[in-house]
Amino acid sequence: MFAHRLADDAELRPLEPWQAAEFAEHVARVRDDIVEYIPWGRLIVDEATARAYLDSYAEKQARDAGRIYGIWTDGVLQGGTLFRTFDAAMGVCELGVWLAAEARGRGLITTAARHMIDWTFGARGMHRVEWHCDRRNTSSSAVARRLGMTREGVLRESYLLGGTRRDVEIWAVLADEWHSA
């Protein structure tokens, strides 16, 4: 089984449909921490919706179109990373993240994202990794900055969440820039 150590007590590993009950419990526990910026924070409300979400990523992974991983600290699911989109033919993917408030401030997301980007460029030969975040999510844009990404622009009012139109910042790093990041 793939697992990557992020810290002495933390690891990144696949988040799979058989873990739907654990994922549903996690979302219920961290909902208030993530719902402002993570659309599925409102949609996953029980084991069935968690399984459907994880099934969608298993299907994406089978098509080489996306992946989802969890971050566990001391054996407790605290957050994760995902390739929301992954287009190997075009060499472009979008990396997303989330983390419970109690696990923040330790660099887990930055470390996990670095590992994901290393894998994307090194093992998969991708050309571009994107990072999309709500313009108001300064913690997310700070991670993109720490990763050496370039802020390329803002898609004004490009998505609706909780009845509010949101601006999305687009950050990206190219393969030939990554070694200097």
N, C-alpha and C. Protein backbone atom coordinates (compact mmCIF):
# COMPACT_ATOMS: atom_id res chain seq x y z
N MET A 1 0.85 -1.18 0.00
CA MET A 1 0.00 0.00 0.00
C MET A 1 0.89 1.24 0.00
N PHE A 2 0.56 2.19 -0.84
CA PHE A 2 1.27 3.46 -0.90
C PHE A 2 1.01 4.24 0.39
N ALA A 3 2.05 4.76 0.99
CA ALA A 3 1.94 5.69 2.12
C ALA A 3 3.19 6.55 2.11
N HIS A 4 3.01 7.81 2.43
CA HIS A 4 4.15 8.72 2.47
C HIS A 4 4.14 9.43 3.82
N ARG A 5 5.23 9.31 4.55
CA ARG A 5 5.33 9.94 5.87
C ARG A 5 5.48 11.45 5.70
N LEU A 6 4.62 12.22 6.37
CA LEU A 6 4.67 13.68 6.33
C LEU A 6 5.36 14.24 7.58
N ALA A 7 5.24 13.51 8.68
CA ALA A 7 5.85 13.87 9.97
C ALA A 7 5.87 12.58 10.78
N ASP A 8 6.46 12.62 11.96
CA ASP A 8 6.54 11.42 12.78
C ASP A 8 5.17 10.79 13.03
N ASP A 9 4.15 11.62 13.16
CA ASP A 9 2.81 11.13 13.49
C ASP A 9 1.81 11.31 12.35
N ALA A 10 2.29 11.63 11.15
CA ALA A 10 1.37 11.95 10.05
C ALA A 10 1.79 11.26 8.76
N GLU A 11 0.78 10.78 8.02
CA GLU A 11 1.07 10.18 6.73
C GLU A 11 -0.02 10.51 5.72
N LEU A 12 0.40 10.44 4.47
CA LEU A 12 -0.47 10.64 3.31
C LEU A 12 -0.64 9.28 2.65
N ARG A 13 -1.91 8.89 2.43
CA ARG A 13 -2.16 7.62 1.75
C ARG A 13 -3.49 7.67 1.02
N PRO A 14 -3.73 6.73 0.10
CA PRO A 14 -4.97 6.77 -0.66
C PRO A 14 -6.20 6.76 0.24
N LEU A 15 -7.23 7.46 -0.18
CA LEU A 15 -8.52 7.49 0.48
C LEU A 15 -9.48 6.78 -0.47
N GLU A 16 -9.99 5.63 -0.05
CA GLU A 16 -10.70 4.73 -0.95
C GLU A 16 -12.13 4.47 -0.49
N PRO A 17 -12.98 3.97 -1.39
CA PRO A 17 -14.39 3.76 -1.05
C PRO A 17 -14.63 2.91 0.20
N TRP A 18 -13.77 1.93 0.46
CA TRP A 18 -13.97 1.10 1.65
C TRP A 18 -13.82 1.90 2.95
N GLN A 19 -13.30 3.14 2.85
CA GLN A 19 -13.14 4.00 4.02
C GLN A 19 -14.27 5.03 4.14
N ALA A 20 -15.40 4.77 3.49
CA ALA A 20 -16.51 5.73 3.45
C ALA A 20 -17.01 6.11 4.85
N ALA A 21 -17.14 5.15 5.74
CA ALA A 21 -17.63 5.48 7.09
C ALA A 21 -16.66 6.42 7.80
N GLU A 22 -15.37 6.14 7.69
CA GLU A 22 -14.36 7.01 8.31
C GLU A 22 -14.37 8.40 7.68
N PHE A 23 -14.52 8.45 6.35
CA PHE A 23 -14.56 9.74 5.65
C PHE A 23 -15.80 10.53 6.05
N ALA A 24 -16.96 9.87 6.15
CA ALA A 24 -18.19 10.56 6.57
C ALA A 24 -18.04 11.14 7.98
N GLU A 25 -17.44 10.37 8.88
CA GLU A 25 -17.21 10.86 10.24
C GLU A 25 -16.26 12.05 10.22
N HIS A 26 -15.22 11.95 9.42
CA HIS A 26 -14.25 13.04 9.29
C HIS A 26 -14.94 14.32 8.81
N VAL A 27 -15.73 14.20 7.75
CA VAL A 27 -16.40 15.39 7.21
C VAL A 27 -17.33 15.99 8.25
N ALA A 28 -18.07 15.16 8.96
CA ALA A 28 -18.96 15.68 10.01
C ALA A 28 -18.17 16.43 11.08
N ARG A 29 -16.99 15.90 11.41
CA ARG A 29 -16.16 16.50 12.46
C ARG A 29 -15.53 17.82 12.01
N VAL A 30 -15.14 17.92 10.72
CA VAL A 30 -14.41 19.11 10.25
C VAL A 30 -15.27 20.04 9.40
N ARG A 31 -16.54 19.72 9.26
CA ARG A 31 -17.41 20.50 8.37
C ARG A 31 -17.27 22.01 8.60
N ASP A 32 -17.33 22.44 9.85
CA ASP A 32 -17.24 23.89 10.13
C ASP A 32 -15.89 24.47 9.72
N ASP A 33 -14.84 23.64 9.70
CA ASP A 33 -13.51 24.10 9.31
C ASP A 33 -13.37 24.28 7.80
N ILE A 34 -14.14 23.51 7.01
CA ILE A 34 -13.92 23.48 5.56
C ILE A 34 -15.06 24.01 4.72
N VAL A 35 -16.26 24.09 5.28
CA VAL A 35 -17.45 24.37 4.47
C VAL A 35 -17.42 25.74 3.78
N GLU A 36 -16.68 26.65 4.30
CA GLU A 36 -16.59 27.98 3.69
C GLU A 36 -15.95 27.94 2.30
N TYR A 37 -15.06 26.98 2.08
CA TYR A 37 -14.32 26.94 0.81
C TYR A 37 -14.40 25.61 0.05
N ILE A 38 -14.87 24.56 0.69
CA ILE A 38 -14.88 23.23 0.08
C ILE A 38 -16.33 22.84 -0.23
N PRO A 39 -16.71 22.80 -1.50
CA PRO A 39 -18.11 22.52 -1.84
C PRO A 39 -18.64 21.20 -1.29
N TRP A 40 -17.84 20.14 -1.32
CA TRP A 40 -18.35 18.86 -0.85
C TRP A 40 -18.53 18.82 0.67
N GLY A 41 -18.05 19.84 1.38
CA GLY A 41 -18.28 19.91 2.82
C GLY A 41 -19.76 19.99 3.16
N ARG A 42 -20.57 20.47 2.23
CA ARG A 42 -22.03 20.54 2.42
C ARG A 42 -22.73 19.30 1.90
N LEU A 43 -22.09 18.59 0.98
CA LEU A 43 -22.75 17.49 0.27
C LEU A 43 -22.57 16.14 0.94
N ILE A 44 -21.47 15.95 1.64
CA ILE A 44 -21.22 14.66 2.29
C ILE A 44 -21.81 14.72 3.69
N VAL A 45 -22.91 14.01 3.86
CA VAL A 45 -23.67 14.10 5.11
C VAL A 45 -23.84 12.75 5.81
N ASP A 46 -23.42 11.66 5.15
CA ASP A 46 -23.56 10.34 5.74
C ASP A 46 -22.63 9.38 4.98
N GLU A 47 -22.66 8.12 5.39
CA GLU A 47 -21.78 7.14 4.76
C GLU A 47 -22.10 6.95 3.28
N ALA A 48 -23.36 7.00 2.92
CA ALA A 48 -23.73 6.80 1.51
C ALA A 48 -23.19 7.92 0.63
N THR A 49 -23.30 9.17 1.06
CA THR A 49 -22.78 10.28 0.24
C THR A 49 -21.26 10.27 0.24
N ALA A 50 -20.65 9.85 1.35
CA ALA A 50 -19.19 9.73 1.39
C ALA A 50 -18.73 8.65 0.42
N ARG A 51 -19.44 7.52 0.41
CA ARG A 51 -19.08 6.43 -0.51
C ARG A 51 -19.23 6.88 -1.96
N ALA A 52 -20.30 7.58 -2.27
CA ALA A 52 -20.51 8.06 -3.64
C ALA A 52 -19.37 8.98 -4.06
N TYR A 53 -18.95 9.85 -3.16
CA TYR A 53 -17.85 10.77 -3.47
C TYR A 53 -16.55 9.99 -3.69
N LEU A 54 -16.25 9.07 -2.79
CA LEU A 54 -15.02 8.28 -2.93
C LEU A 54 -15.10 7.36 -4.15
N ASP A 55 -16.29 6.82 -4.45
CA ASP A 55 -16.46 6.03 -5.68
C ASP A 55 -16.15 6.86 -6.91
N SER A 56 -16.57 8.13 -6.90
CA SER A 56 -16.31 8.99 -8.07
C SER A 56 -14.80 9.16 -8.28
N TYR A 57 -14.04 9.23 -7.19
CA TYR A 57 -12.59 9.34 -7.32
C TYR A 57 -11.95 8.00 -7.70
N ALA A 58 -12.51 6.89 -7.25
CA ALA A 58 -12.00 5.59 -7.69
C ALA A 58 -12.20 5.44 -9.20
N GLU A 59 -13.34 5.90 -9.68
CA GLU A 59 -13.60 5.87 -11.13
C GLU A 59 -12.66 6.81 -11.87
N LYS A 60 -12.44 8.01 -11.32
CA LYS A 60 -11.48 8.93 -11.94
C LYS A 60 -10.09 8.30 -11.99
N GLN A 61 -9.69 7.67 -10.89
CA GLN A 61 -8.36 7.07 -10.87
C GLN A 61 -8.26 5.96 -11.91
N ALA A 62 -9.30 5.15 -12.05
CA ALA A 62 -9.30 4.07 -13.04
C ALA A 62 -9.16 4.63 -14.46
N ARG A 63 -9.67 5.85 -14.69
CA ARG A 63 -9.56 6.50 -16.00
C ARG A 63 -8.33 7.39 -16.09
N ASP A 64 -7.51 7.43 -15.02
CA ASP A 64 -6.35 8.31 -14.94
C ASP A 64 -6.77 9.77 -15.07
N ALA A 65 -7.87 10.12 -14.40
CA ALA A 65 -8.43 11.47 -14.50
C ALA A 65 -8.53 12.18 -13.16
N GLY A 66 -8.06 11.57 -12.08
CA GLY A 66 -8.11 12.19 -10.77
C GLY A 66 -7.74 11.19 -9.70
N ARG A 67 -7.45 11.68 -8.51
CA ARG A 67 -7.07 10.82 -7.38
C ARG A 67 -7.38 11.57 -6.09
N ILE A 68 -7.56 10.81 -5.01
CA ILE A 68 -7.79 11.42 -3.71
C ILE A 68 -6.96 10.67 -2.66
N TYR A 69 -6.38 11.43 -1.75
CA TYR A 69 -5.54 10.89 -0.68
C TYR A 69 -5.96 11.54 0.64
N GLY A 70 -5.80 10.79 1.72
CA GLY A 70 -6.08 11.32 3.04
C GLY A 70 -4.79 11.62 3.78
N ILE A 71 -4.90 12.52 4.74
CA ILE A 71 -3.81 12.81 5.67
C ILE A 71 -4.28 12.36 7.04
N TRP A 72 -3.55 11.41 7.61
CA TRP A 72 -3.86 10.89 8.94
C TRP A 72 -2.79 11.34 9.91
N THR A 73 -3.21 11.82 11.08
CA THR A 73 -2.27 12.09 12.17
C THR A 73 -2.67 11.20 13.34
N ASP A 74 -1.70 10.49 13.87
CA ASP A 74 -1.96 9.53 14.95
C ASP A 74 -3.14 8.63 14.62
N GLY A 75 -3.25 8.23 13.35
CA GLY A 75 -4.29 7.30 12.92
C GLY A 75 -5.66 7.91 12.69
N VAL A 76 -5.78 9.24 12.83
CA VAL A 76 -7.07 9.91 12.64
C VAL A 76 -7.03 10.71 11.35
N LEU A 77 -8.03 10.50 10.50
CA LEU A 77 -8.13 11.25 9.25
C LEU A 77 -8.35 12.72 9.58
N GLN A 78 -7.43 13.60 9.11
CA GLN A 78 -7.50 15.03 9.42
C GLN A 78 -7.68 15.90 8.19
N GLY A 79 -7.47 15.34 7.00
CA GLY A 79 -7.59 16.15 5.79
C GLY A 79 -7.13 15.34 4.61
N GLY A 80 -6.75 16.04 3.55
CA GLY A 80 -6.28 15.31 2.39
C GLY A 80 -5.88 16.20 1.23
N THR A 81 -5.51 15.51 0.17
CA THR A 81 -5.14 16.16 -1.08
C THR A 81 -5.87 15.41 -2.19
N LEU A 82 -6.06 16.08 -3.29
CA LEU A 82 -6.68 15.41 -4.42
C LEU A 82 -6.25 16.07 -5.72
N PHE A 83 -6.26 15.26 -6.75
CA PHE A 83 -6.16 15.81 -8.10
C PHE A 83 -7.60 15.89 -8.57
N ARG A 84 -8.19 17.07 -8.46
CA ARG A 84 -9.57 17.27 -8.88
C ARG A 84 -9.71 16.96 -10.36
N THR A 85 -8.73 17.40 -11.13
CA THR A 85 -8.64 17.04 -12.54
C THR A 85 -7.23 16.55 -12.80
N PHE A 86 -7.10 15.65 -13.76
CA PHE A 86 -5.80 15.10 -14.11
C PHE A 86 -5.89 14.69 -15.58
N ASP A 87 -5.26 15.45 -16.45
CA ASP A 87 -5.30 15.19 -17.89
C ASP A 87 -3.89 14.87 -18.36
N ALA A 88 -3.56 13.57 -18.34
CA ALA A 88 -2.21 13.14 -18.70
C ALA A 88 -1.88 13.48 -20.15
N ALA A 89 -2.85 13.40 -21.04
CA ALA A 89 -2.59 13.70 -22.46
C ALA A 89 -2.18 15.15 -22.64
N MET A 90 -2.81 16.06 -21.92
CA MET A 90 -2.47 17.48 -22.00
C MET A 90 -1.34 17.86 -21.05
N GLY A 91 -1.08 17.01 -20.06
CA GLY A 91 -0.01 17.29 -19.10
C GLY A 91 -0.39 18.33 -18.07
N VAL A 92 -1.69 18.41 -17.75
CA VAL A 92 -2.19 19.43 -16.83
C VAL A 92 -3.10 18.79 -15.78
N CYS A 93 -2.91 19.21 -14.53
CA CYS A 93 -3.79 18.73 -13.46
C CYS A 93 -4.04 19.87 -12.47
N GLU A 94 -5.07 19.67 -11.65
CA GLU A 94 -5.37 20.63 -10.58
C GLU A 94 -5.26 19.92 -9.25
N LEU A 95 -4.46 20.45 -8.37
CA LEU A 95 -4.24 19.92 -7.03
C LEU A 95 -5.10 20.70 -6.05
N GLY A 96 -5.82 19.98 -5.19
CA GLY A 96 -6.63 20.60 -4.15
C GLY A 96 -6.30 19.98 -2.80
N VAL A 97 -6.65 20.69 -1.72
CA VAL A 97 -6.33 20.24 -0.36
C VAL A 97 -7.41 20.67 0.62
N TRP A 98 -7.44 20.01 1.77
CA TRP A 98 -8.24 20.45 2.90
C TRP A 98 -7.61 19.90 4.17
N LEU A 99 -7.87 20.55 5.30
CA LEU A 99 -7.29 20.11 6.56
C LEU A 99 -8.13 20.62 7.72
N ALA A 100 -8.33 19.76 8.70
CA ALA A 100 -9.02 20.15 9.93
C ALA A 100 -8.23 21.25 10.63
N ALA A 101 -8.94 22.16 11.26
CA ALA A 101 -8.29 23.28 11.95
C ALA A 101 -7.29 22.79 12.99
N GLU A 102 -7.60 21.72 13.69
CA GLU A 102 -6.72 21.23 14.76
C GLU A 102 -5.39 20.69 14.24
N ALA A 103 -5.30 20.41 12.95
CA ALA A 103 -4.06 19.88 12.38
C ALA A 103 -3.27 20.93 11.61
N ARG A 104 -3.75 22.15 11.57
CA ARG A 104 -3.09 23.20 10.79
C ARG A 104 -1.89 23.77 11.53
N GLY A 105 -1.03 24.43 10.75
CA GLY A 105 0.12 25.10 11.33
C GLY A 105 1.35 24.23 11.48
N ARG A 106 1.31 23.03 10.94
CA ARG A 106 2.43 22.09 11.05
C ARG A 106 3.13 21.86 9.73
N GLY A 107 2.63 22.47 8.66
CA GLY A 107 3.23 22.28 7.35
C GLY A 107 2.80 20.99 6.66
N LEU A 108 1.77 20.31 7.17
CA LEU A 108 1.34 19.05 6.59
C LEU A 108 0.84 19.22 5.16
N ILE A 109 0.06 20.25 4.92
CA ILE A 109 -0.47 20.48 3.58
C ILE A 109 0.66 20.82 2.61
N THR A 110 1.55 21.69 2.99
CA THR A 110 2.67 22.05 2.11
C THR A 110 3.51 20.83 1.80
N THR A 111 3.81 20.02 2.81
CA THR A 111 4.62 18.82 2.60
C THR A 111 3.89 17.82 1.70
N ALA A 112 2.61 17.60 1.96
CA ALA A 112 1.82 16.68 1.13
C ALA A 112 1.74 17.18 -0.31
N ALA A 113 1.49 18.47 -0.48
CA ALA A 113 1.39 19.04 -1.83
C ALA A 113 2.72 18.91 -2.57
N ARG A 114 3.83 19.15 -1.88
CA ARG A 114 5.15 18.97 -2.51
C ARG A 114 5.33 17.53 -3.00
N HIS A 115 4.94 16.59 -2.18
CA HIS A 115 5.05 15.19 -2.58
C HIS A 115 4.19 14.92 -3.81
N MET A 116 2.98 15.43 -3.82
CA MET A 116 2.07 15.23 -4.95
C MET A 116 2.66 15.86 -6.23
N ILE A 117 3.20 17.05 -6.10
CA ILE A 117 3.77 17.72 -7.27
C ILE A 117 5.02 16.99 -7.75
N ASP A 118 5.88 16.56 -6.82
CA ASP A 118 7.06 15.77 -7.20
C ASP A 118 6.64 14.55 -8.01
N TRP A 119 5.63 13.84 -7.53
CA TRP A 119 5.14 12.64 -8.22
C TRP A 119 4.59 13.01 -9.60
N THR A 120 3.85 14.09 -9.66
CA THR A 120 3.21 14.50 -10.91
C THR A 120 4.27 14.79 -11.98
N PHE A 121 5.27 15.57 -11.62
CA PHE A 121 6.30 15.92 -12.60
C PHE A 121 7.28 14.77 -12.82
N GLY A 122 7.71 14.11 -11.74
CA GLY A 122 8.72 13.08 -11.85
C GLY A 122 8.21 11.78 -12.43
N ALA A 123 7.22 11.18 -11.80
CA ALA A 123 6.73 9.87 -12.23
C ALA A 123 5.81 9.95 -13.44
N ARG A 124 5.02 11.01 -13.52
CA ARG A 124 4.01 11.09 -14.56
C ARG A 124 4.38 12.00 -15.72
N GLY A 125 5.41 12.79 -15.59
CA GLY A 125 5.85 13.64 -16.69
C GLY A 125 4.86 14.74 -17.06
N MET A 126 4.07 15.17 -16.09
CA MET A 126 3.11 16.25 -16.36
C MET A 126 3.88 17.55 -16.62
N HIS A 127 3.21 18.49 -17.24
CA HIS A 127 3.82 19.78 -17.57
C HIS A 127 3.40 20.90 -16.63
N ARG A 128 2.17 20.85 -16.13
CA ARG A 128 1.62 21.98 -15.37
C ARG A 128 0.73 21.47 -14.23
N VAL A 129 0.92 22.02 -13.05
CA VAL A 129 0.05 21.75 -11.90
C VAL A 129 -0.62 23.06 -11.52
N GLU A 130 -1.94 23.03 -11.47
CA GLU A 130 -2.71 24.21 -11.09
C GLU A 130 -3.22 24.08 -9.66
N TRP A 131 -3.51 25.24 -9.08
CA TRP A 131 -4.05 25.34 -7.73
C TRP A 131 -5.14 26.40 -7.82
N HIS A 132 -6.39 26.03 -7.56
CA HIS A 132 -7.51 26.98 -7.60
C HIS A 132 -7.99 27.19 -6.17
N CYS A 133 -8.19 28.44 -5.78
CA CYS A 133 -8.70 28.69 -4.44
C CYS A 133 -9.56 29.95 -4.42
N ASP A 134 -10.51 29.93 -3.51
CA ASP A 134 -11.34 31.11 -3.28
C ASP A 134 -10.41 32.28 -2.95
N ARG A 135 -10.67 33.40 -3.56
CA ARG A 135 -9.82 34.58 -3.36
C ARG A 135 -9.69 34.96 -1.88
N ARG A 136 -10.71 34.67 -1.09
CA ARG A 136 -10.69 35.02 0.34
C ARG A 136 -9.93 34.01 1.19
N ASN A 137 -9.59 32.86 0.61
CA ASN A 137 -8.91 31.81 1.36
C ASN A 137 -7.40 32.08 1.37
N THR A 138 -7.00 32.98 2.23
CA THR A 138 -5.60 33.41 2.27
C THR A 138 -4.66 32.29 2.71
N SER A 139 -5.14 31.34 3.49
CA SER A 139 -4.30 30.20 3.88
C SER A 139 -3.96 29.36 2.66
N SER A 140 -4.93 29.15 1.79
CA SER A 140 -4.69 28.35 0.59
C SER A 140 -3.74 29.06 -0.36
N SER A 141 -3.93 30.34 -0.56
CA SER A 141 -3.02 31.07 -1.45
C SER A 141 -1.61 31.13 -0.85
N ALA A 142 -1.51 31.13 0.47
CA ALA A 142 -0.18 31.13 1.10
C ALA A 142 0.55 29.81 0.82
N VAL A 143 -0.19 28.70 0.80
CA VAL A 143 0.44 27.42 0.46
C VAL A 143 0.93 27.46 -0.98
N ALA A 144 0.09 27.94 -1.89
CA ALA A 144 0.49 28.04 -3.30
C ALA A 144 1.77 28.86 -3.43
N ARG A 145 1.84 29.94 -2.69
CA ARG A 145 3.03 30.80 -2.72
C ARG A 145 4.25 30.04 -2.18
N ARG A 146 4.08 29.32 -1.05
CA ARG A 146 5.19 28.54 -0.48
C ARG A 146 5.66 27.46 -1.44
N LEU A 147 4.76 26.97 -2.27
CA LEU A 147 5.12 25.94 -3.24
C LEU A 147 5.82 26.51 -4.46
N GLY A 148 5.95 27.82 -4.53
CA GLY A 148 6.63 28.46 -5.66
C GLY A 148 5.74 28.64 -6.87
N MET A 149 4.44 28.57 -6.66
CA MET A 149 3.51 28.76 -7.77
C MET A 149 3.38 30.23 -8.11
N THR A 150 2.95 30.48 -9.33
CA THR A 150 2.70 31.84 -9.81
C THR A 150 1.20 32.09 -9.83
N ARG A 151 0.80 33.21 -9.28
CA ARG A 151 -0.62 33.60 -9.35
C ARG A 151 -0.86 34.16 -10.75
N GLU A 152 -1.68 33.46 -11.51
CA GLU A 152 -1.89 33.82 -12.90
C GLU A 152 -3.11 34.70 -13.13
N GLY A 153 -4.00 34.74 -12.17
CA GLY A 153 -5.16 35.59 -12.35
C GLY A 153 -6.32 35.18 -11.46
N VAL A 154 -7.44 35.86 -11.67
CA VAL A 154 -8.64 35.63 -10.90
C VAL A 154 -9.80 35.44 -11.87
N LEU A 155 -10.56 34.38 -11.64
CA LEU A 155 -11.81 34.17 -12.37
C LEU A 155 -12.91 34.77 -11.50
N ARG A 156 -13.36 35.94 -11.89
CA ARG A 156 -14.33 36.67 -11.07
C ARG A 156 -15.69 35.99 -11.08
N GLU A 157 -16.23 35.81 -9.86
CA GLU A 157 -17.56 35.23 -9.65
C GLU A 157 -17.79 33.98 -10.50
N SER A 158 -16.80 33.10 -10.53
CA SER A 158 -16.85 31.95 -11.43
C SER A 158 -17.54 30.72 -10.86
N TYR A 159 -17.81 30.72 -9.56
CA TYR A 159 -18.60 29.61 -9.05
C TYR A 159 -19.47 30.06 -7.90
N LEU A 160 -20.51 29.26 -7.67
CA LEU A 160 -21.51 29.57 -6.66
C LEU A 160 -21.36 28.58 -5.52
N LEU A 161 -21.23 29.07 -4.30
CA LEU A 161 -21.14 28.22 -3.12
C LEU A 161 -21.93 28.86 -2.00
N GLY A 162 -22.87 28.12 -1.46
CA GLY A 162 -23.68 28.63 -0.36
C GLY A 162 -24.47 29.86 -0.74
N GLY A 163 -24.89 29.95 -1.98
CA GLY A 163 -25.69 31.08 -2.44
C GLY A 163 -24.90 32.33 -2.76
N THR A 164 -23.57 32.23 -2.70
CA THR A 164 -22.71 33.39 -2.95
C THR A 164 -21.79 33.11 -4.13
N ARG A 165 -21.69 34.07 -5.03
CA ARG A 165 -20.74 33.96 -6.15
C ARG A 165 -19.34 34.19 -5.60
N ARG A 166 -18.40 33.34 -6.02
CA ARG A 166 -17.04 33.39 -5.50
C ARG A 166 -16.04 33.68 -6.61
N ASP A 167 -15.02 34.45 -6.27
CA ASP A 167 -13.86 34.66 -7.15
C ASP A 167 -12.86 33.53 -6.89
N VAL A 168 -12.22 33.04 -7.95
CA VAL A 168 -11.25 31.97 -7.82
C VAL A 168 -9.89 32.45 -8.32
N GLU A 169 -8.89 32.35 -7.45
CA GLU A 169 -7.52 32.61 -7.88
C GLU A 169 -6.97 31.37 -8.57
N ILE A 170 -6.23 31.59 -9.64
CA ILE A 170 -5.58 30.50 -10.35
C ILE A 170 -4.07 30.66 -10.15
N TRP A 171 -3.47 29.64 -9.56
CA TRP A 171 -2.03 29.55 -9.34
C TRP A 171 -1.53 28.36 -10.16
N ALA A 172 -0.28 28.39 -10.56
CA ALA A 172 0.27 27.25 -11.29
C ALA A 172 1.79 27.22 -11.17
N VAL A 173 2.32 26.02 -11.37
CA VAL A 173 3.75 25.82 -11.49
C VAL A 173 3.98 24.88 -12.67
N LEU A 174 5.01 25.18 -13.44
CA LEU A 174 5.38 24.37 -14.60
C LEU A 174 6.53 23.44 -14.22
N ALA A 175 6.63 22.34 -14.92
CA ALA A 175 7.66 21.35 -14.61
C ALA A 175 9.06 21.95 -14.59
N ASP A 176 9.36 22.79 -15.58
CA ASP A 176 10.73 23.35 -15.64
C ASP A 176 10.97 24.41 -14.58
N GLU A 177 9.96 24.88 -13.90
CA GLU A 177 10.10 25.82 -12.78
C GLU A 177 10.24 25.09 -11.45
N TRP A 178 9.73 23.87 -11.39
CA TRP A 178 9.62 23.16 -10.13
C TRP A 178 10.96 22.90 -9.46
N HIS A 179 11.98 22.60 -10.21
CA HIS A 179 13.27 22.29 -9.60
C HIS A 179 13.86 23.48 -8.88
N SER A 180 13.45 24.68 -9.25
CA SER A 180 13.94 25.87 -8.56
C SER A 180 13.00 26.31 -7.44
N ALA A 181 11.89 25.61 -7.28
CA ALA A 181 10.91 26.01 -6.25
C ALA A 181 11.39 25.65 -4.85
